[in-house]
Each structure stands twice: as C-alpha cells, then as structure tokens.
Amino acid sequence: MTVYMQSTLELRAGDMTQFEAVMKDLVALVEAQGWRLITAISQISGRLHTAIDIWSMPDLGAYERGLTALRTSPQFPDMAKALAAAIERETVVFGVRAGWVPEGRE
C-alpha cells in the first residue's frame, strides 16, 4: 500500500542556495530507495521561509531505507551541516490516500 509523507520545513531566513543544492542531492539519494517526491512547495503566504515536501513511498519500510541511505552516504556529514544551518524545525507526518480523491490522481 502506498504511504504518503508530508515534511514541513520551517527554515531560517537567509540565502537558500546551499539548502536547495543539498535538497537536490537528498532527493536523488532517497528516491533510489523507493521514495518519490511528488511536489515541494515554498510558501508565499502564512509563515514565510516554510517548505512543504510531499512524498510517496511503496511502504513504511522505504522510509527507513531512505534514512539509512542518507546516513551512510559519504556526503552526509556536509549535508547534515547545511540542513542544520537552514532548518529551524521539521514536522513529518505519514498517511494513506483518502477515499475522496478522484480515481486516476496520485
């Protein structure tokens, strides 16, 4: 059963160039483990400097496989520093497809 994950990232104000570069690398690493980034949203209202990532995964086990791939990557120490510098708070929630979504949509 497909599992969806929403990751809400409350970011510190500042230059996001390094954060965005790290996120591109992160996406590549975890997608190789079954994650699929459906979309990423950068808020333009509400709390600015907030990003929301919506992911799909074939199962909850893919979440752990993705985290393991990140932690064991040679890039991880540098990635972790850049993410820690940019992210003030992260909230992760998991869910399944709601029954009211029209057929044929993700």
Protein backbone atom coordinates (compact mmCIF):
# COMPACT_ATOMS: atom_id res chain seq x y z
CA MET A 1 0.00 0.00 0.00
CA THR A 2 1.36 3.43 -0.92
CA VAL A 3 2.24 5.62 2.04
CA TYR A 4 2.48 9.40 1.77
CA MET A 5 4.72 11.61 3.83
CA GLN A 6 4.46 15.34 4.36
CA SER A 7 7.59 17.04 5.59
CA THR A 8 7.09 20.64 6.69
CA LEU A 9 10.37 22.51 6.98
CA GLU A 10 10.40 25.81 8.84
CA LEU A 11 13.54 27.46 7.50
CA ARG A 12 15.69 30.23 8.87
CA ALA A 13 15.67 33.43 6.82
CA GLY A 14 18.70 33.77 4.61
CA ASP A 15 20.35 32.57 1.43
CA MET A 16 18.78 29.26 0.40
CA THR A 17 21.31 28.41 -2.34
CA GLN A 18 23.16 25.77 -0.32
CA PHE A 19 19.93 24.35 1.16
CA GLU A 20 18.43 23.91 -2.32
CA ALA A 21 21.60 22.22 -3.62
CA VAL A 22 21.63 19.80 -0.68
CA MET A 23 17.94 19.04 -1.15
CA LYS A 24 18.59 18.06 -4.78
CA ASP A 25 21.23 15.59 -3.62
CA LEU A 26 18.95 14.33 -0.83
CA VAL A 27 16.11 13.71 -3.29
CA ALA A 28 18.39 11.63 -5.52
CA LEU A 29 19.60 9.51 -2.59
CA VAL A 30 16.19 8.72 -1.12
CA GLU A 31 14.44 8.24 -4.46
CA ALA A 32 16.90 5.41 -5.13
CA GLN A 33 15.36 3.74 -2.04
CA GLY A 34 11.74 3.98 -3.21
CA TRP A 35 10.76 7.49 -2.13
CA ARG A 36 9.16 9.67 -4.79
CA LEU A 37 8.97 13.44 -4.40
CA ILE A 38 5.51 14.35 -5.66
CA THR A 39 5.97 18.07 -5.14
CA ALA A 40 7.73 20.62 -2.98
CA ILE A 41 6.04 23.87 -2.07
CA SER A 42 7.71 27.07 -0.95
CA GLN A 43 5.11 29.11 0.90
CA ILE A 44 4.34 32.63 -0.33
CA SER A 45 1.77 33.34 2.38
CA GLY A 46 1.49 32.39 6.02
CA ARG A 47 4.83 31.67 7.62
CA LEU A 48 7.39 32.66 5.01
CA HIS A 49 10.54 30.55 4.75
CA THR A 50 8.49 27.37 5.02
CA ALA A 51 8.81 24.48 2.60
CA ILE A 52 6.45 21.53 2.35
CA ASP A 53 7.59 18.32 0.66
CA ILE A 54 5.04 15.68 -0.33
CA TRP A 55 6.49 12.21 -0.86
CA SER A 56 5.08 8.82 -1.78
CA MET A 57 6.63 5.52 -0.76
CA PRO A 58 5.70 1.92 -1.55
CA ASP A 59 5.61 1.11 2.19
CA LEU A 60 6.82 2.43 5.55
CA GLY A 61 9.98 0.35 5.22
CA ALA A 62 11.09 2.65 2.41
CA TYR A 63 11.28 5.49 4.93
CA GLU A 64 13.89 3.65 7.00
CA ARG A 65 15.78 2.56 3.86
CA GLY A 66 15.93 6.18 2.72
CA LEU A 67 17.22 7.39 6.09
CA THR A 68 19.84 4.63 6.12
CA ALA A 69 20.98 5.62 2.61
CA LEU A 70 21.35 9.22 3.79
CA ARG A 71 23.23 8.37 6.97
CA THR A 72 25.67 6.05 5.20
CA SER A 73 26.34 8.39 2.28
CA PRO A 74 29.84 9.92 2.20
CA GLN A 75 28.07 13.24 1.58
CA PHE A 76 26.03 13.02 4.77
CA PRO A 77 28.28 14.98 7.18
CA ASP A 78 28.29 18.01 4.86
CA MET A 79 24.61 17.59 4.04
CA ALA A 80 23.71 17.41 7.74
CA LYS A 81 25.61 20.63 8.49
CA ALA A 82 23.90 22.52 5.67
CA LEU A 83 20.45 21.23 6.65
CA ALA A 84 21.01 22.04 10.34
CA ALA A 85 22.04 25.57 9.40
CA ALA A 86 18.91 26.08 7.29
CA ILE A 87 16.16 24.18 9.12
CA GLU A 88 14.71 25.61 12.31
CA ARG A 89 12.06 22.90 12.73
CA GLU A 90 10.80 19.89 10.77
CA THR A 91 7.47 18.14 11.19
CA VAL A 92 6.93 14.79 9.46
CA VAL A 93 3.54 13.09 9.13
CA PHE A 94 2.53 9.88 7.34
CA GLY A 95 -0.80 8.98 5.79
CA VAL A 96 -2.61 6.96 3.17
CA ARG A 97 -4.72 8.06 0.22
CA ALA A 98 -8.08 9.46 1.30
CA GLY A 99 -11.23 7.92 -0.12
CA TRP A 100 -12.48 11.15 -1.68
CA VAL A 101 -9.58 11.57 -4.13
CA PRO A 102 -10.89 11.08 -7.69
CA GLU A 103 -9.63 7.96 -9.46
CA GLY A 104 -6.58 8.43 -11.64
CA ARG A 105 -4.97 11.05 -9.41
CA GLU A 106 -1.93 10.48 -7.29
